[in-house]
Amino acid sequence: MVPRINVTTDLIVGFPGETEADFAWSIDLIERVRFGSVFAAKYSPRPGTKSAGLTDDVPAESKDRRLQGVLERQREIALEENERFIGREVDVLIEGKTRDGDWYGRAADHRTVVVHGEPAQNGVTCCEFLPSDLVVVRIEGATSASLSGVALVPAVSARGRT
């Protein structure tokens, strides 16, 4: 058992033969597991697959409603789970820079973390990192998709830079 593991999954709604009870079971599973993220899509036949020969018997309106239900509930769960990190310190492996000039990386459980540099008195941010640097970040914000915070200590690099 891994404490605080961040599990993700893929889900297809409206697969041939899927009933409202089947869909309710999927929502119940999302509620119980509280996935870190869910990639969800509506079923559509793909040539060459076994399911391509099945009757696509779930109406498009049902697929749309089910997909929106999964996405809405998953966004709520992800936000609730991410908000639990506010105030915590996490190790972040730096991957690169955002378009806005902030750094981003991954926490140990694979959550995306945006790292804001604290402005120094001269207006220059405190921290310059390299991809693969490990940084301690105090989490100050959360969305359903990511965490954000500020670096607390200089980076530890595989290249020996601190």
N, C-alpha and C. Protein backbone atom coordinates (compact mmCIF):
# COMPACT_ATOMS: atom_id res chain seq x y z
N MET A 1 0.84 -1.18 0.00
CA MET A 1 0.00 0.00 0.00
C MET A 1 0.89 1.24 0.00
N VAL A 2 0.56 2.19 -0.85
CA VAL A 2 1.33 3.42 -0.97
C VAL A 2 0.45 4.57 -0.46
N PRO A 3 0.83 5.19 0.65
CA PRO A 3 0.00 6.29 1.18
C PRO A 3 -0.06 7.46 0.19
N ARG A 4 -1.19 8.08 0.10
CA ARG A 4 -1.41 9.28 -0.71
C ARG A 4 -1.03 9.08 -2.17
N ILE A 5 -1.19 7.88 -2.69
CA ILE A 5 -0.88 7.63 -4.09
C ILE A 5 -1.85 8.41 -4.98
N ASN A 6 -1.38 8.84 -6.12
CA ASN A 6 -2.17 9.60 -7.07
C ASN A 6 -2.44 8.71 -8.28
N VAL A 7 -3.60 8.09 -8.32
CA VAL A 7 -3.95 7.15 -9.38
C VAL A 7 -4.76 7.87 -10.44
N THR A 8 -4.44 7.59 -11.71
CA THR A 8 -5.20 8.15 -12.83
C THR A 8 -5.80 7.00 -13.63
N THR A 9 -6.77 7.33 -14.48
CA THR A 9 -7.40 6.29 -15.28
C THR A 9 -7.95 6.87 -16.57
N ASP A 10 -8.30 5.99 -17.48
CA ASP A 10 -9.02 6.33 -18.71
C ASP A 10 -10.40 5.72 -18.61
N LEU A 11 -11.39 6.39 -19.18
CA LEU A 11 -12.77 5.91 -19.10
C LEU A 11 -13.48 6.22 -20.40
N ILE A 12 -14.18 5.23 -20.94
CA ILE A 12 -15.01 5.43 -22.13
C ILE A 12 -16.46 5.35 -21.66
N VAL A 13 -17.25 6.37 -21.99
CA VAL A 13 -18.68 6.34 -21.69
C VAL A 13 -19.44 6.00 -22.97
N GLY A 14 -20.57 5.32 -22.80
CA GLY A 14 -21.41 4.98 -23.94
C GLY A 14 -20.92 3.80 -24.75
N PHE A 15 -20.10 2.93 -24.15
CA PHE A 15 -19.66 1.72 -24.84
C PHE A 15 -20.90 0.89 -25.17
N PRO A 16 -20.93 0.19 -26.29
CA PRO A 16 -22.12 -0.59 -26.65
C PRO A 16 -22.59 -1.47 -25.49
N GLY A 17 -23.86 -1.35 -25.19
CA GLY A 17 -24.46 -2.13 -24.12
C GLY A 17 -24.41 -1.46 -22.76
N GLU A 18 -23.72 -0.33 -22.64
CA GLU A 18 -23.63 0.35 -21.34
C GLU A 18 -25.02 0.85 -20.93
N THR A 19 -25.44 0.44 -19.74
CA THR A 19 -26.74 0.86 -19.21
C THR A 19 -26.55 2.03 -18.26
N GLU A 20 -27.65 2.63 -17.83
CA GLU A 20 -27.57 3.69 -16.82
C GLU A 20 -26.99 3.14 -15.52
N ALA A 21 -27.29 1.88 -15.21
CA ALA A 21 -26.73 1.25 -14.00
C ALA A 21 -25.22 1.09 -14.14
N ASP A 22 -24.76 0.70 -15.33
CA ASP A 22 -23.31 0.59 -15.56
C ASP A 22 -22.65 1.95 -15.38
N PHE A 23 -23.27 2.98 -15.94
CA PHE A 23 -22.70 4.32 -15.82
C PHE A 23 -22.68 4.77 -14.36
N ALA A 24 -23.75 4.50 -13.63
CA ALA A 24 -23.81 4.86 -12.20
C ALA A 24 -22.69 4.15 -11.44
N TRP A 25 -22.37 2.91 -11.81
CA TRP A 25 -21.28 2.19 -11.18
C TRP A 25 -19.95 2.90 -11.45
N SER A 26 -19.77 3.40 -12.68
CA SER A 26 -18.54 4.13 -13.02
C SER A 26 -18.41 5.40 -12.17
N ILE A 27 -19.50 6.13 -12.01
CA ILE A 27 -19.48 7.34 -11.18
C ILE A 27 -19.17 6.96 -9.72
N ASP A 28 -19.75 5.88 -9.24
CA ASP A 28 -19.48 5.42 -7.88
C ASP A 28 -18.00 5.08 -7.72
N LEU A 29 -17.41 4.45 -8.72
CA LEU A 29 -16.00 4.12 -8.68
C LEU A 29 -15.15 5.39 -8.60
N ILE A 30 -15.48 6.39 -9.41
CA ILE A 30 -14.77 7.67 -9.39
C ILE A 30 -14.88 8.30 -8.00
N GLU A 31 -16.05 8.22 -7.40
CA GLU A 31 -16.26 8.77 -6.05
C GLU A 31 -15.40 8.05 -5.01
N ARG A 32 -15.36 6.72 -5.09
CA ARG A 32 -14.64 5.94 -4.08
C ARG A 32 -13.12 6.03 -4.24
N VAL A 33 -12.64 5.96 -5.47
CA VAL A 33 -11.19 5.96 -5.71
C VAL A 33 -10.62 7.37 -5.62
N ARG A 34 -11.38 8.37 -6.07
CA ARG A 34 -10.93 9.77 -6.07
C ARG A 34 -9.64 9.89 -6.89
N PHE A 35 -9.75 9.54 -8.16
CA PHE A 35 -8.61 9.57 -9.07
C PHE A 35 -7.99 10.96 -9.12
N GLY A 36 -6.68 11.00 -9.33
CA GLY A 36 -6.00 12.28 -9.53
C GLY A 36 -6.42 12.93 -10.82
N SER A 37 -6.66 12.13 -11.83
CA SER A 37 -7.21 12.63 -13.09
C SER A 37 -7.86 11.46 -13.83
N VAL A 38 -8.81 11.83 -14.68
CA VAL A 38 -9.51 10.85 -15.51
C VAL A 38 -9.51 11.38 -16.93
N PHE A 39 -8.97 10.60 -17.86
CA PHE A 39 -9.12 10.92 -19.27
C PHE A 39 -10.38 10.21 -19.73
N ALA A 40 -11.39 10.97 -20.11
CA ALA A 40 -12.68 10.37 -20.48
C ALA A 40 -13.02 10.73 -21.92
N ALA A 41 -13.68 9.79 -22.58
CA ALA A 41 -14.09 10.01 -23.96
C ALA A 41 -15.39 9.26 -24.21
N LYS A 42 -16.11 9.71 -25.24
CA LYS A 42 -17.32 9.01 -25.68
C LYS A 42 -16.90 7.88 -26.60
N TYR A 43 -17.59 6.75 -26.49
CA TYR A 43 -17.31 5.63 -27.38
C TYR A 43 -17.61 6.02 -28.82
N SER A 44 -16.71 5.63 -29.69
CA SER A 44 -16.96 5.68 -31.13
C SER A 44 -16.25 4.48 -31.73
N PRO A 45 -16.87 3.84 -32.72
CA PRO A 45 -16.26 2.63 -33.29
C PRO A 45 -14.92 2.94 -33.96
N ARG A 46 -13.98 2.07 -33.77
CA ARG A 46 -12.66 2.19 -34.41
C ARG A 46 -12.47 0.98 -35.32
N PRO A 47 -12.22 1.21 -36.60
CA PRO A 47 -12.03 0.09 -37.53
C PRO A 47 -10.92 -0.84 -37.04
N GLY A 48 -11.18 -2.13 -37.20
CA GLY A 48 -10.19 -3.13 -36.84
C GLY A 48 -10.23 -3.58 -35.38
N THR A 49 -11.11 -2.96 -34.56
CA THR A 49 -11.23 -3.38 -33.16
C THR A 49 -12.41 -4.32 -33.02
N LYS A 50 -12.41 -5.13 -31.97
CA LYS A 50 -13.53 -6.03 -31.73
C LYS A 50 -14.83 -5.27 -31.54
N SER A 51 -14.75 -4.11 -30.88
CA SER A 51 -15.99 -3.36 -30.61
C SER A 51 -16.58 -2.73 -31.87
N ALA A 52 -15.81 -2.63 -32.94
CA ALA A 52 -16.33 -2.03 -34.17
C ALA A 52 -17.49 -2.85 -34.75
N GLY A 53 -17.53 -4.12 -34.42
CA GLY A 53 -18.60 -4.99 -34.90
C GLY A 53 -19.83 -4.97 -34.01
N LEU A 54 -19.77 -4.29 -32.87
CA LEU A 54 -20.91 -4.22 -31.96
C LEU A 54 -21.88 -3.13 -32.39
N THR A 55 -23.13 -3.31 -32.02
CA THR A 55 -24.13 -2.28 -32.30
C THR A 55 -23.93 -1.11 -31.35
N ASP A 56 -23.73 0.06 -31.92
CA ASP A 56 -23.53 1.28 -31.14
C ASP A 56 -24.91 1.73 -30.66
N ASP A 57 -25.39 1.16 -29.55
CA ASP A 57 -26.78 1.31 -29.11
C ASP A 57 -27.01 2.37 -28.04
N VAL A 58 -25.98 3.11 -27.66
CA VAL A 58 -26.17 4.17 -26.67
C VAL A 58 -26.36 5.48 -27.42
N PRO A 59 -27.50 6.15 -27.22
CA PRO A 59 -27.78 7.39 -27.96
C PRO A 59 -26.71 8.46 -27.71
N ALA A 60 -26.46 9.27 -28.72
CA ALA A 60 -25.46 10.34 -28.63
C ALA A 60 -25.76 11.28 -27.47
N GLU A 61 -27.02 11.58 -27.21
CA GLU A 61 -27.37 12.47 -26.10
C GLU A 61 -26.96 11.86 -24.76
N SER A 62 -27.12 10.55 -24.62
CA SER A 62 -26.71 9.87 -23.39
C SER A 62 -25.19 9.90 -23.23
N LYS A 63 -24.48 9.68 -24.33
CA LYS A 63 -23.02 9.75 -24.28
C LYS A 63 -22.57 11.14 -23.86
N ASP A 64 -23.18 12.17 -24.44
CA ASP A 64 -22.81 13.55 -24.10
C ASP A 64 -23.07 13.84 -22.62
N ARG A 65 -24.24 13.45 -22.14
CA ARG A 65 -24.60 13.70 -20.74
C ARG A 65 -23.67 12.95 -19.80
N ARG A 66 -23.38 11.70 -20.12
CA ARG A 66 -22.50 10.90 -19.28
C ARG A 66 -21.09 11.47 -19.26
N LEU A 67 -20.58 11.87 -20.42
CA LEU A 67 -19.24 12.44 -20.48
C LEU A 67 -19.17 13.71 -19.64
N GLN A 68 -20.15 14.58 -19.78
CA GLN A 68 -20.15 15.81 -18.99
C GLN A 68 -20.24 15.52 -17.49
N GLY A 69 -21.02 14.51 -17.13
CA GLY A 69 -21.13 14.11 -15.73
C GLY A 69 -19.81 13.63 -15.16
N VAL A 70 -19.09 12.81 -15.93
CA VAL A 70 -17.78 12.32 -15.48
C VAL A 70 -16.80 13.49 -15.34
N LEU A 71 -16.74 14.33 -16.36
CA LEU A 71 -15.77 15.43 -16.33
C LEU A 71 -16.06 16.41 -15.20
N GLU A 72 -17.33 16.74 -15.00
CA GLU A 72 -17.70 17.68 -13.94
C GLU A 72 -17.34 17.12 -12.56
N ARG A 73 -17.74 15.88 -12.31
CA ARG A 73 -17.46 15.31 -10.98
C ARG A 73 -15.95 15.13 -10.77
N GLN A 74 -15.23 14.73 -11.81
CA GLN A 74 -13.80 14.55 -11.67
C GLN A 74 -13.10 15.88 -11.39
N ARG A 75 -13.52 16.96 -12.03
CA ARG A 75 -12.94 18.28 -11.74
C ARG A 75 -13.14 18.65 -10.28
N GLU A 76 -14.34 18.37 -9.76
CA GLU A 76 -14.63 18.68 -8.35
C GLU A 76 -13.72 17.87 -7.42
N ILE A 77 -13.60 16.58 -7.70
CA ILE A 77 -12.76 15.70 -6.87
C ILE A 77 -11.30 16.14 -6.95
N ALA A 78 -10.80 16.39 -8.15
CA ALA A 78 -9.40 16.79 -8.31
C ALA A 78 -9.12 18.09 -7.56
N LEU A 79 -10.04 19.04 -7.63
CA LEU A 79 -9.85 20.29 -6.89
C LEU A 79 -9.82 20.03 -5.39
N GLU A 80 -10.75 19.23 -4.89
CA GLU A 80 -10.78 18.91 -3.45
C GLU A 80 -9.47 18.25 -3.02
N GLU A 81 -8.99 17.30 -3.80
CA GLU A 81 -7.75 16.59 -3.46
C GLU A 81 -6.56 17.53 -3.53
N ASN A 82 -6.50 18.38 -4.55
CA ASN A 82 -5.37 19.30 -4.69
C ASN A 82 -5.37 20.36 -3.60
N GLU A 83 -6.54 20.81 -3.19
CA GLU A 83 -6.61 21.82 -2.13
C GLU A 83 -6.04 21.31 -0.81
N ARG A 84 -6.00 20.00 -0.63
CA ARG A 84 -5.42 19.42 0.59
C ARG A 84 -3.92 19.68 0.70
N PHE A 85 -3.30 20.05 -0.41
CA PHE A 85 -1.86 20.30 -0.42
C PHE A 85 -1.50 21.73 -0.01
N ILE A 86 -2.48 22.63 0.01
CA ILE A 86 -2.18 24.02 0.34
C ILE A 86 -1.58 24.10 1.74
N GLY A 87 -0.44 24.78 1.82
CA GLY A 87 0.29 24.91 3.08
C GLY A 87 1.37 23.85 3.28
N ARG A 88 1.36 22.81 2.48
CA ARG A 88 2.37 21.75 2.59
C ARG A 88 3.61 22.11 1.79
N GLU A 89 4.71 21.45 2.12
CA GLU A 89 5.93 21.55 1.33
C GLU A 89 6.11 20.24 0.58
N VAL A 90 6.39 20.34 -0.72
CA VAL A 90 6.57 19.15 -1.54
C VAL A 90 7.84 19.29 -2.37
N ASP A 91 8.47 18.17 -2.64
CA ASP A 91 9.61 18.14 -3.55
C ASP A 91 9.07 18.15 -4.97
N VAL A 92 9.66 18.99 -5.82
CA VAL A 92 9.22 19.11 -7.21
C VAL A 92 10.42 18.90 -8.12
N LEU A 93 10.27 17.99 -9.07
CA LEU A 93 11.28 17.77 -10.09
C LEU A 93 10.97 18.71 -11.25
N ILE A 94 11.85 19.68 -11.48
CA ILE A 94 11.61 20.71 -12.50
C ILE A 94 11.68 20.09 -13.90
N GLU A 95 10.69 20.44 -14.73
CA GLU A 95 10.65 19.97 -16.12
C GLU A 95 10.91 21.08 -17.12
N GLY A 96 10.50 22.31 -16.81
CA GLY A 96 10.68 23.39 -17.77
C GLY A 96 9.99 24.66 -17.33
N LYS A 97 9.80 25.58 -18.30
CA LYS A 97 9.16 26.86 -18.03
C LYS A 97 7.82 26.95 -18.74
N THR A 98 6.88 27.66 -18.09
CA THR A 98 5.59 27.93 -18.70
C THR A 98 5.73 29.10 -19.67
N ARG A 99 4.71 29.36 -20.45
CA ARG A 99 4.70 30.52 -21.35
C ARG A 99 4.80 31.83 -20.56
N ASP A 100 4.32 31.81 -19.33
CA ASP A 100 4.35 33.01 -18.48
C ASP A 100 5.70 33.20 -17.78
N GLY A 101 6.62 32.28 -17.98
CA GLY A 101 7.94 32.42 -17.37
C GLY A 101 8.09 31.75 -16.01
N ASP A 102 7.03 31.12 -15.51
CA ASP A 102 7.15 30.36 -14.28
C ASP A 102 7.74 29.00 -14.61
N TRP A 103 8.23 28.34 -13.58
CA TRP A 103 8.74 26.99 -13.75
C TRP A 103 7.61 25.99 -13.48
N TYR A 104 7.72 24.80 -14.01
CA TYR A 104 6.76 23.74 -13.68
C TYR A 104 7.51 22.43 -13.57
N GLY A 105 6.90 21.53 -12.84
CA GLY A 105 7.48 20.21 -12.68
C GLY A 105 6.48 19.27 -12.06
N ARG A 106 6.98 18.16 -11.54
CA ARG A 106 6.13 17.11 -10.98
C ARG A 106 6.50 16.82 -9.54
N ALA A 107 5.47 16.70 -8.72
CA ALA A 107 5.65 16.22 -7.36
C ALA A 107 5.88 14.72 -7.41
N ALA A 108 6.26 14.13 -6.29
CA ALA A 108 6.56 12.70 -6.24
C ALA A 108 5.37 11.85 -6.68
N ASP A 109 4.15 12.34 -6.46
CA ASP A 109 2.97 11.56 -6.87
C ASP A 109 2.51 11.93 -8.28
N HIS A 110 3.33 12.65 -9.02
CA HIS A 110 3.11 13.00 -10.43
C HIS A 110 2.14 14.17 -10.63
N ARG A 111 1.73 14.86 -9.58
CA ARG A 111 0.91 16.06 -9.76
C ARG A 111 1.76 17.15 -10.39
N THR A 112 1.15 17.92 -11.27
CA THR A 112 1.83 19.06 -11.87
C THR A 112 1.89 20.20 -10.86
N VAL A 113 3.06 20.82 -10.73
CA VAL A 113 3.26 21.94 -9.82
C VAL A 113 3.89 23.10 -10.59
N VAL A 114 3.25 24.27 -10.52
CA VAL A 114 3.81 25.49 -11.09
C VAL A 114 4.56 26.19 -9.96
N VAL A 115 5.82 26.56 -10.23
CA VAL A 115 6.69 27.14 -9.21
C VAL A 115 6.92 28.61 -9.56
N HIS A 116 6.44 29.48 -8.68
CA HIS A 116 6.62 30.92 -8.86
C HIS A 116 7.87 31.34 -8.11
N GLY A 117 8.70 32.14 -8.74
CA GLY A 117 9.85 32.71 -8.04
C GLY A 117 9.38 33.90 -7.22
N GLU A 118 9.93 34.07 -6.03
CA GLU A 118 9.59 35.23 -5.21
C GLU A 118 10.38 36.42 -5.72
N PRO A 119 9.72 37.55 -6.02
CA PRO A 119 10.46 38.71 -6.53
C PRO A 119 11.47 39.22 -5.50
N ALA A 120 12.67 39.46 -5.95
CA ALA A 120 13.68 40.07 -5.10
C ALA A 120 13.49 41.59 -5.13
N GLN A 121 14.23 42.31 -4.33
CA GLN A 121 14.07 43.76 -4.26
C GLN A 121 14.34 44.43 -5.60
N ASN A 122 15.21 43.86 -6.40
CA ASN A 122 15.53 44.47 -7.69
C ASN A 122 14.60 44.00 -8.81
N GLY A 123 13.57 43.25 -8.46
CA GLY A 123 12.60 42.79 -9.45
C GLY A 123 12.96 41.49 -10.14
N VAL A 124 14.13 40.95 -9.84
CA VAL A 124 14.55 39.69 -10.43
C VAL A 124 14.04 38.56 -9.54
N THR A 125 13.54 37.50 -10.14
CA THR A 125 13.05 36.40 -9.33
C THR A 125 14.20 35.70 -8.64
N CYS A 126 13.86 35.02 -7.55
CA CYS A 126 14.90 34.43 -6.70
C CYS A 126 15.55 33.22 -7.31
N CYS A 127 14.86 32.60 -8.24
CA CYS A 127 15.32 31.26 -8.59
C CYS A 127 15.41 31.04 -10.09
N GLU A 128 16.51 30.49 -10.50
CA GLU A 128 16.66 29.97 -11.85
C GLU A 128 16.95 28.49 -11.71
N PHE A 129 16.24 27.69 -12.47
CA PHE A 129 16.38 26.25 -12.36
C PHE A 129 16.79 25.67 -13.70
N LEU A 130 17.15 24.42 -13.66
CA LEU A 130 17.40 23.63 -14.85
C LEU A 130 16.45 22.43 -14.82
N PRO A 131 16.03 21.95 -15.97
CA PRO A 131 15.26 20.71 -15.96
C PRO A 131 16.06 19.63 -15.23
N SER A 132 15.40 18.89 -14.40
CA SER A 132 15.93 17.81 -13.54
C SER A 132 16.35 18.32 -12.17
N ASP A 133 16.27 19.65 -11.91
CA ASP A 133 16.53 20.15 -10.56
C ASP A 133 15.40 19.70 -9.63
N LEU A 134 15.74 19.43 -8.39
CA LEU A 134 14.76 19.07 -7.36
C LEU A 134 14.63 20.25 -6.42
N VAL A 135 13.40 20.75 -6.26
CA VAL A 135 13.14 21.97 -5.51
C VAL A 135 12.07 21.71 -4.46
N VAL A 136 12.25 22.25 -3.27
CA VAL A 136 11.21 22.20 -2.24
C VAL A 136 10.29 23.39 -2.48
N VAL A 137 9.00 23.11 -2.59
CA VAL A 137 8.01 24.15 -2.92
C VAL A 137 6.93 24.18 -1.85
N ARG A 138 6.61 25.38 -1.36
CA ARG A 138 5.47 25.55 -0.45
C ARG A 138 4.24 25.78 -1.33
N ILE A 139 3.27 24.90 -1.21
CA ILE A 139 2.06 24.99 -2.04
C ILE A 139 1.15 26.08 -1.49
N GLU A 140 0.79 27.02 -2.36
CA GLU A 140 -0.05 28.14 -1.97
C GLU A 140 -1.35 28.21 -2.75
N GLY A 141 -1.48 27.42 -3.80
CA GLY A 141 -2.70 27.44 -4.59
C GLY A 141 -2.95 26.11 -5.25
N ALA A 142 -4.21 25.91 -5.67
CA ALA A 142 -4.58 24.67 -6.32
C ALA A 142 -5.72 24.91 -7.29
N THR A 143 -5.69 24.20 -8.40
CA THR A 143 -6.81 24.11 -9.32
C THR A 143 -7.12 22.63 -9.48
N SER A 144 -8.07 22.31 -10.30
CA SER A 144 -8.36 20.89 -10.54
C SER A 144 -7.25 20.23 -11.34
N ALA A 145 -6.41 21.03 -12.01
CA ALA A 145 -5.37 20.47 -12.86
C ALA A 145 -3.97 20.52 -12.28
N SER A 146 -3.72 21.41 -11.29
CA SER A 146 -2.35 21.55 -10.81
C SER A 146 -2.29 22.23 -9.46
N LEU A 147 -1.08 22.20 -8.90
CA LEU A 147 -0.75 22.91 -7.67
C LEU A 147 0.16 24.07 -8.06
N SER A 148 0.26 25.07 -7.19
CA SER A 148 1.22 26.15 -7.43
C SER A 148 1.78 26.61 -6.10
N GLY A 149 3.02 27.12 -6.15
CA GLY A 149 3.64 27.59 -4.94
C GLY A 149 4.97 28.25 -5.21
N VAL A 150 5.72 28.50 -4.14
CA VAL A 150 7.01 29.17 -4.25
C VAL A 150 8.12 28.25 -3.78
N ALA A 151 9.28 28.39 -4.42
CA ALA A 151 10.45 27.61 -4.04
C ALA A 151 10.96 28.11 -2.70
N LEU A 152 11.32 27.18 -1.82
CA LEU A 152 11.79 27.55 -0.49
C LEU A 152 13.31 27.50 -0.37
N VAL A 153 13.94 26.63 -1.12
CA VAL A 153 15.39 26.47 -1.01
C VAL A 153 15.96 26.38 -2.42
N PRO A 154 17.25 26.64 -2.56
CA PRO A 154 17.87 26.48 -3.88
C PRO A 154 17.72 25.05 -4.38
N ALA A 155 17.76 24.91 -5.68
CA ALA A 155 17.59 23.60 -6.30
C ALA A 155 18.77 22.70 -6.03
N VAL A 156 18.49 21.40 -6.00
CA VAL A 156 19.52 20.38 -5.95
C VAL A 156 19.54 19.75 -7.32
N SER A 157 20.66 19.81 -7.99
CA SER A 157 20.75 19.35 -9.37
C SER A 157 21.58 18.07 -9.45
N ALA A 158 21.24 17.27 -10.42
CA ALA A 158 22.03 16.08 -10.69
C ALA A 158 23.44 16.47 -11.16
N ARG A 159 23.59 17.71 -11.61
CA ARG A 159 24.89 18.18 -12.09
C ARG A 159 25.71 18.83 -10.96
N GLY A 160 25.18 18.77 -9.71
CA GLY A 160 25.93 19.28 -8.59
C GLY A 160 25.67 20.72 -8.25
N ARG A 161 24.85 21.43 -9.03
CA ARG A 161 24.56 22.84 -8.75
C ARG A 161 23.57 22.92 -7.61
N THR A 162 23.70 23.91 -6.74
CA THR A 162 22.71 24.13 -5.71
C THR A 162 22.31 25.58 -5.72
